């Protein structure tokens, strides 16, 4: 099978404590500069940080059946291209993939769903 799915949901409150701390060790260990710049340019950074964290977790889950190594969260970058979130893998993987990513959030929760197709 060349298709796999990953999903993750998190409470936004988990990231609210970082809304005023762009230099947080935790944030800089998990997110790239591009991601942090994007999230902190928004009115509610915690929602965007949480959604991107969910996306990273969902990607790791989707790639689990194919890859023999676990990716680090910072090796996955969620960027916006043409107003849509895109996945940028910053390390060499065993195979090439096509991804489909969906992000959503409410006031309390953020969720991400990823479909990975091994090419």
N, C-alpha and C. Protein backbone atom coordinates (compact mmCIF):
# COMPACT_ATOMS: atom_id res chain seq x y z
N UNK A 1 0.84 -1.18 0.00
CA UNK A 1 0.00 0.00 0.00
C UNK A 1 0.89 1.25 0.00
N UNK A 2 0.55 2.20 -0.82
CA UNK A 2 1.34 3.42 -0.96
C UNK A 2 0.65 4.65 -0.39
N UNK A 3 -0.37 4.45 0.45
CA UNK A 3 -1.16 5.54 0.99
C UNK A 3 -1.24 5.40 2.50
N UNK A 4 -1.08 6.52 3.20
CA UNK A 4 -1.19 6.48 4.65
C UNK A 4 -1.76 7.81 5.14
N UNK A 5 -2.42 7.78 6.29
CA UNK A 5 -3.02 8.98 6.85
C UNK A 5 -2.53 9.21 8.27
N UNK A 6 -2.42 10.47 8.67
CA UNK A 6 -2.11 10.84 10.04
C UNK A 6 -3.02 11.98 10.46
N UNK A 7 -3.39 12.00 11.71
CA UNK A 7 -4.25 13.06 12.24
C UNK A 7 -3.80 13.38 13.66
N UNK A 8 -3.95 14.64 14.05
CA UNK A 8 -3.61 15.05 15.41
C UNK A 8 -4.49 16.21 15.82
N UNK A 9 -4.86 16.24 17.10
CA UNK A 9 -5.65 17.32 17.67
C UNK A 9 -5.00 17.74 18.98
N UNK A 10 -4.97 19.03 19.23
CA UNK A 10 -4.36 19.58 20.44
C UNK A 10 -5.20 20.73 20.96
N UNK A 11 -5.11 20.97 22.27
CA UNK A 11 -5.75 22.13 22.87
C UNK A 11 -4.88 23.37 22.64
N UNK A 12 -5.50 24.45 22.22
CA UNK A 12 -4.78 25.68 21.94
C UNK A 12 -4.18 26.27 23.21
N UNK A 13 -4.82 26.05 24.34
CA UNK A 13 -4.31 26.59 25.61
C UNK A 13 -2.87 26.14 25.87
N UNK A 14 -2.49 25.00 25.33
CA UNK A 14 -1.13 24.48 25.49
C UNK A 14 -0.09 25.46 24.93
N UNK A 15 -0.45 26.23 23.92
CA UNK A 15 0.49 27.14 23.27
C UNK A 15 0.27 28.61 23.64
N UNK A 16 -0.79 28.89 24.38
CA UNK A 16 -1.07 30.28 24.74
C UNK A 16 0.02 30.89 25.61
N UNK A 17 0.68 30.09 26.40
CA UNK A 17 1.73 30.62 27.28
C UNK A 17 2.95 31.10 26.50
N UNK A 18 3.02 30.77 25.21
CA UNK A 18 4.16 31.18 24.38
C UNK A 18 3.85 32.37 23.48
N UNK A 19 2.62 32.89 23.56
CA UNK A 19 2.21 33.97 22.65
C UNK A 19 3.07 35.23 22.75
N UNK A 20 3.68 35.45 23.88
CA UNK A 20 4.52 36.64 24.06
C UNK A 20 5.99 36.29 24.18
N UNK A 21 6.36 35.12 23.70
CA UNK A 21 7.74 34.66 23.88
C UNK A 21 8.28 34.04 22.60
N UNK A 22 8.52 34.87 21.62
CA UNK A 22 9.05 34.41 20.33
C UNK A 22 10.39 33.70 20.49
N UNK A 23 11.12 34.00 21.56
CA UNK A 23 12.44 33.41 21.77
C UNK A 23 12.41 32.18 22.68
N UNK A 24 11.25 31.65 22.93
CA UNK A 24 11.11 30.46 23.78
C UNK A 24 11.96 29.31 23.24
N UNK A 25 12.67 28.63 24.14
CA UNK A 25 13.47 27.47 23.74
C UNK A 25 12.59 26.40 23.11
N UNK A 26 11.43 26.17 23.72
CA UNK A 26 10.51 25.16 23.19
C UNK A 26 10.09 25.50 21.76
N UNK A 27 9.62 26.72 21.53
CA UNK A 27 9.17 27.10 20.19
C UNK A 27 10.30 26.98 19.18
N UNK A 28 11.49 27.39 19.54
CA UNK A 28 12.62 27.33 18.61
C UNK A 28 13.14 25.92 18.39
N UNK A 29 12.80 25.00 19.27
CA UNK A 29 13.16 23.59 19.08
C UNK A 29 12.16 22.89 18.15
N UNK A 30 10.92 23.40 18.11
CA UNK A 30 9.85 22.75 17.36
C UNK A 30 9.60 23.40 16.00
N UNK A 31 9.70 24.72 15.93
CA UNK A 31 9.30 25.46 14.73
C UNK A 31 10.50 26.12 14.06
N UNK A 32 10.38 26.28 12.73
CA UNK A 32 11.41 27.00 11.98
C UNK A 32 11.14 28.51 12.12
N UNK A 33 12.13 29.30 11.74
CA UNK A 33 11.97 30.77 11.77
C UNK A 33 10.80 31.20 10.89
N UNK A 34 10.65 30.58 9.71
CA UNK A 34 9.54 30.93 8.82
C UNK A 34 8.19 30.68 9.49
N UNK A 35 8.08 29.55 10.17
CA UNK A 35 6.82 29.23 10.86
C UNK A 35 6.54 30.22 11.99
N UNK A 36 7.57 30.52 12.78
CA UNK A 36 7.39 31.46 13.89
C UNK A 36 7.03 32.85 13.39
N UNK A 37 7.69 33.30 12.34
CA UNK A 37 7.37 34.61 11.77
C UNK A 37 5.92 34.66 11.29
N UNK A 38 5.48 33.60 10.64
CA UNK A 38 4.09 33.54 10.16
C UNK A 38 3.12 33.57 11.33
N UNK A 39 3.32 32.70 12.31
CA UNK A 39 2.38 32.58 13.43
C UNK A 39 2.31 33.87 14.24
N UNK A 40 3.46 34.49 14.49
CA UNK A 40 3.48 35.70 15.30
C UNK A 40 3.04 36.94 14.53
N UNK A 41 2.81 36.80 13.23
CA UNK A 41 2.24 37.91 12.46
C UNK A 41 0.72 37.91 12.54
N UNK A 42 0.14 36.88 13.15
CA UNK A 42 -1.30 36.74 13.25
C UNK A 42 -1.82 37.30 14.57
N UNK A 43 -3.10 37.60 14.60
CA UNK A 43 -3.74 38.16 15.80
C UNK A 43 -3.68 37.19 16.98
N UNK A 44 -3.88 35.90 16.73
CA UNK A 44 -3.85 34.86 17.76
C UNK A 44 -2.78 33.82 17.42
N UNK A 45 -1.53 34.10 17.75
CA UNK A 45 -0.44 33.18 17.39
C UNK A 45 -0.64 31.75 17.90
N UNK A 46 -1.23 31.59 19.07
CA UNK A 46 -1.38 30.25 19.65
C UNK A 46 -2.19 29.33 18.75
N UNK A 47 -3.23 29.85 18.11
CA UNK A 47 -4.03 29.02 17.20
C UNK A 47 -3.18 28.50 16.05
N UNK A 48 -2.35 29.35 15.51
CA UNK A 48 -1.53 28.98 14.35
C UNK A 48 -0.37 28.08 14.76
N UNK A 49 0.22 28.34 15.92
CA UNK A 49 1.27 27.46 16.43
C UNK A 49 0.71 26.06 16.67
N UNK A 50 -0.45 26.00 17.29
CA UNK A 50 -1.06 24.70 17.59
C UNK A 50 -1.40 23.94 16.33
N UNK A 51 -1.96 24.62 15.34
CA UNK A 51 -2.31 23.96 14.08
C UNK A 51 -1.06 23.39 13.39
N UNK A 52 0.02 24.15 13.40
CA UNK A 52 1.26 23.67 12.78
C UNK A 52 1.88 22.52 13.57
N UNK A 53 1.78 22.59 14.88
CA UNK A 53 2.26 21.47 15.70
C UNK A 53 1.46 20.21 15.36
N UNK A 54 0.15 20.34 15.25
CA UNK A 54 -0.70 19.20 14.87
C UNK A 54 -0.30 18.64 13.51
N UNK A 55 -0.01 19.54 12.58
CA UNK A 55 0.39 19.10 11.24
C UNK A 55 1.67 18.28 11.30
N UNK A 56 2.64 18.74 12.07
CA UNK A 56 3.91 18.02 12.20
C UNK A 56 3.67 16.63 12.78
N UNK A 57 2.86 16.55 13.82
CA UNK A 57 2.54 15.25 14.43
C UNK A 57 1.80 14.35 13.44
N UNK A 58 0.88 14.92 12.70
CA UNK A 58 0.12 14.14 11.72
C UNK A 58 1.02 13.61 10.59
N UNK A 59 2.00 14.41 10.18
CA UNK A 59 2.94 13.99 9.15
C UNK A 59 3.78 12.82 9.65
N UNK A 60 4.26 12.92 10.88
CA UNK A 60 5.05 11.83 11.46
C UNK A 60 4.23 10.55 11.49
N UNK A 61 2.96 10.65 11.86
CA UNK A 61 2.08 9.48 11.91
C UNK A 61 1.84 8.92 10.50
N UNK A 62 1.66 9.81 9.53
CA UNK A 62 1.40 9.36 8.16
C UNK A 62 2.63 8.68 7.54
N UNK A 63 3.82 9.13 7.90
CA UNK A 63 5.04 8.56 7.33
C UNK A 63 5.53 7.31 8.07
N UNK A 64 5.00 7.06 9.24
CA UNK A 64 5.45 5.93 10.06
C UNK A 64 5.49 4.59 9.31
N UNK A 65 4.48 4.25 8.50
CA UNK A 65 4.54 2.95 7.81
C UNK A 65 5.64 2.83 6.76
N UNK A 66 6.17 3.97 6.29
CA UNK A 66 7.11 3.96 5.18
C UNK A 66 8.57 4.22 5.57
N UNK A 67 8.77 5.05 6.55
CA UNK A 67 10.12 5.49 6.92
C UNK A 67 10.63 4.70 8.11
N UNK A 68 11.91 4.41 8.13
CA UNK A 68 12.49 3.65 9.24
C UNK A 68 13.11 4.56 10.29
N UNK A 69 12.88 5.85 10.17
CA UNK A 69 13.36 6.80 11.18
C UNK A 69 12.25 7.78 11.49
N UNK A 70 12.23 8.24 12.73
CA UNK A 70 11.24 9.22 13.12
C UNK A 70 11.80 10.61 12.84
N UNK A 71 11.02 11.43 12.18
CA UNK A 71 11.44 12.80 11.91
C UNK A 71 11.37 13.64 13.17
N UNK A 72 12.27 14.59 13.28
CA UNK A 72 12.19 15.59 14.33
C UNK A 72 11.18 16.64 13.91
N UNK A 73 10.50 17.23 14.87
CA UNK A 73 9.47 18.21 14.54
C UNK A 73 10.03 19.38 13.71
N UNK A 74 11.23 19.80 14.00
CA UNK A 74 11.81 20.93 13.28
C UNK A 74 12.27 20.55 11.86
N UNK A 75 12.29 19.27 11.53
CA UNK A 75 12.62 18.82 10.18
C UNK A 75 11.40 18.90 9.26
N UNK A 76 10.28 19.29 9.82
CA UNK A 76 9.04 19.45 9.06
C UNK A 76 8.65 20.92 9.16
N UNK A 77 8.42 21.54 8.02
CA UNK A 77 8.03 22.94 8.00
C UNK A 77 6.68 23.08 7.31
N UNK A 78 5.78 23.81 7.96
CA UNK A 78 4.48 24.09 7.37
C UNK A 78 4.51 25.55 6.92
N UNK A 79 4.47 25.73 5.61
CA UNK A 79 4.53 27.08 5.05
C UNK A 79 3.22 27.36 4.32
N UNK A 80 2.90 28.61 4.17
CA UNK A 80 1.71 28.98 3.40
C UNK A 80 2.15 29.41 2.01
N UNK A 81 1.54 28.79 1.03
CA UNK A 81 1.85 29.10 -0.37
C UNK A 81 0.51 29.31 -1.06
N UNK A 82 0.33 30.46 -1.65
CA UNK A 82 -0.94 30.80 -2.30
C UNK A 82 -2.11 30.65 -1.32
N UNK A 83 -1.90 31.08 -0.08
CA UNK A 83 -2.90 31.08 1.00
C UNK A 83 -3.25 29.70 1.53
N UNK A 84 -2.53 28.67 1.11
CA UNK A 84 -2.80 27.31 1.58
C UNK A 84 -1.56 26.74 2.25
N UNK A 85 -1.77 25.97 3.32
CA UNK A 85 -0.61 25.37 3.99
C UNK A 85 0.02 24.27 3.14
N UNK A 86 1.33 24.27 3.10
CA UNK A 86 2.09 23.28 2.34
C UNK A 86 3.13 22.65 3.26
N UNK A 87 3.52 21.44 2.95
CA UNK A 87 4.50 20.70 3.75
C UNK A 87 5.86 20.78 3.07
N UNK A 88 6.85 21.14 3.85
CA UNK A 88 8.23 21.19 3.38
C UNK A 88 9.05 20.30 4.33
N UNK A 89 9.56 19.18 3.82
CA UNK A 89 10.39 18.28 4.62
C UNK A 89 11.84 18.73 4.46
N UNK A 90 12.50 19.00 5.58
CA UNK A 90 13.84 19.59 5.57
C UNK A 90 14.95 18.57 5.79
N UNK A 91 14.67 17.32 5.52
CA UNK A 91 15.67 16.26 5.65
C UNK A 91 15.43 15.24 4.54
N UNK A 92 16.41 14.39 4.33
CA UNK A 92 16.30 13.34 3.32
C UNK A 92 15.41 12.22 3.83
N UNK A 93 14.44 11.80 3.02
CA UNK A 93 13.58 10.67 3.36
C UNK A 93 13.92 9.49 2.48
N UNK A 94 13.49 8.32 2.89
CA UNK A 94 13.75 7.09 2.15
C UNK A 94 13.05 7.10 0.79
N UNK A 95 11.83 7.65 0.76
CA UNK A 95 11.02 7.70 -0.47
C UNK A 95 10.58 9.13 -0.74
N UNK A 96 10.02 9.33 -1.93
CA UNK A 96 9.40 10.61 -2.28
C UNK A 96 7.90 10.48 -2.02
N UNK A 97 7.29 11.62 -1.65
CA UNK A 97 5.88 11.61 -1.28
C UNK A 97 5.14 12.79 -1.90
N UNK A 98 3.86 12.59 -2.05
CA UNK A 98 2.93 13.67 -2.31
C UNK A 98 2.05 13.75 -1.07
N UNK A 99 1.82 14.98 -0.59
CA UNK A 99 1.04 15.16 0.63
C UNK A 99 -0.21 15.97 0.37
N UNK A 100 -1.23 15.67 1.15
CA UNK A 100 -2.43 16.50 1.22
C UNK A 100 -2.59 16.87 2.69
N UNK A 101 -2.70 18.16 2.98
CA UNK A 101 -2.75 18.65 4.35
C UNK A 101 -3.99 19.50 4.55
N UNK A 102 -4.67 19.26 5.66
CA UNK A 102 -5.81 20.09 6.05
C UNK A 102 -5.62 20.53 7.50
N UNK A 103 -5.75 21.83 7.74
CA UNK A 103 -5.63 22.40 9.09
C UNK A 103 -6.95 23.09 9.44
N UNK A 104 -7.29 23.03 10.73
CA UNK A 104 -8.46 23.75 11.20
C UNK A 104 -8.30 24.05 12.68
N UNK A 105 -8.98 25.10 13.14
CA UNK A 105 -8.96 25.38 14.56
C UNK A 105 -10.23 26.11 14.98
N UNK A 106 -10.57 25.94 16.24
CA UNK A 106 -11.65 26.67 16.88
C UNK A 106 -11.00 27.49 17.99
N UNK A 107 -11.79 28.00 18.91
CA UNK A 107 -11.20 28.74 20.04
C UNK A 107 -10.43 27.82 20.97
N UNK A 108 -10.83 26.56 21.06
CA UNK A 108 -10.22 25.63 22.02
C UNK A 108 -9.26 24.62 21.42
N UNK A 109 -9.50 24.20 20.19
CA UNK A 109 -8.74 23.10 19.62
C UNK A 109 -8.21 23.44 18.23
N UNK A 110 -7.11 22.79 17.88
CA UNK A 110 -6.60 22.80 16.51
C UNK A 110 -6.45 21.35 16.09
N UNK A 111 -6.61 21.12 14.79
CA UNK A 111 -6.54 19.76 14.26
C UNK A 111 -5.85 19.81 12.89
N UNK A 112 -5.16 18.73 12.58
CA UNK A 112 -4.53 18.60 11.26
C UNK A 112 -4.71 17.16 10.78
N UNK A 113 -4.94 17.06 9.50
CA UNK A 113 -5.05 15.76 8.85
C UNK A 113 -4.11 15.74 7.66
N UNK A 114 -3.36 14.65 7.52
CA UNK A 114 -2.40 14.52 6.43
C UNK A 114 -2.61 13.19 5.73
N UNK A 115 -2.60 13.24 4.42
CA UNK A 115 -2.56 12.03 3.61
C UNK A 115 -1.21 12.03 2.90
N UNK A 116 -0.48 10.95 3.05
CA UNK A 116 0.81 10.79 2.40
C UNK A 116 0.70 9.71 1.34
N UNK A 117 1.11 10.02 0.13
CA UNK A 117 1.15 9.03 -0.95
C UNK A 117 2.60 8.81 -1.32
N UNK A 118 3.03 7.58 -1.16
CA UNK A 118 4.41 7.22 -1.53
C UNK A 118 4.47 7.10 -3.05
N UNK A 119 5.38 7.83 -3.67
CA UNK A 119 5.47 7.84 -5.14
C UNK A 119 6.39 6.74 -5.63
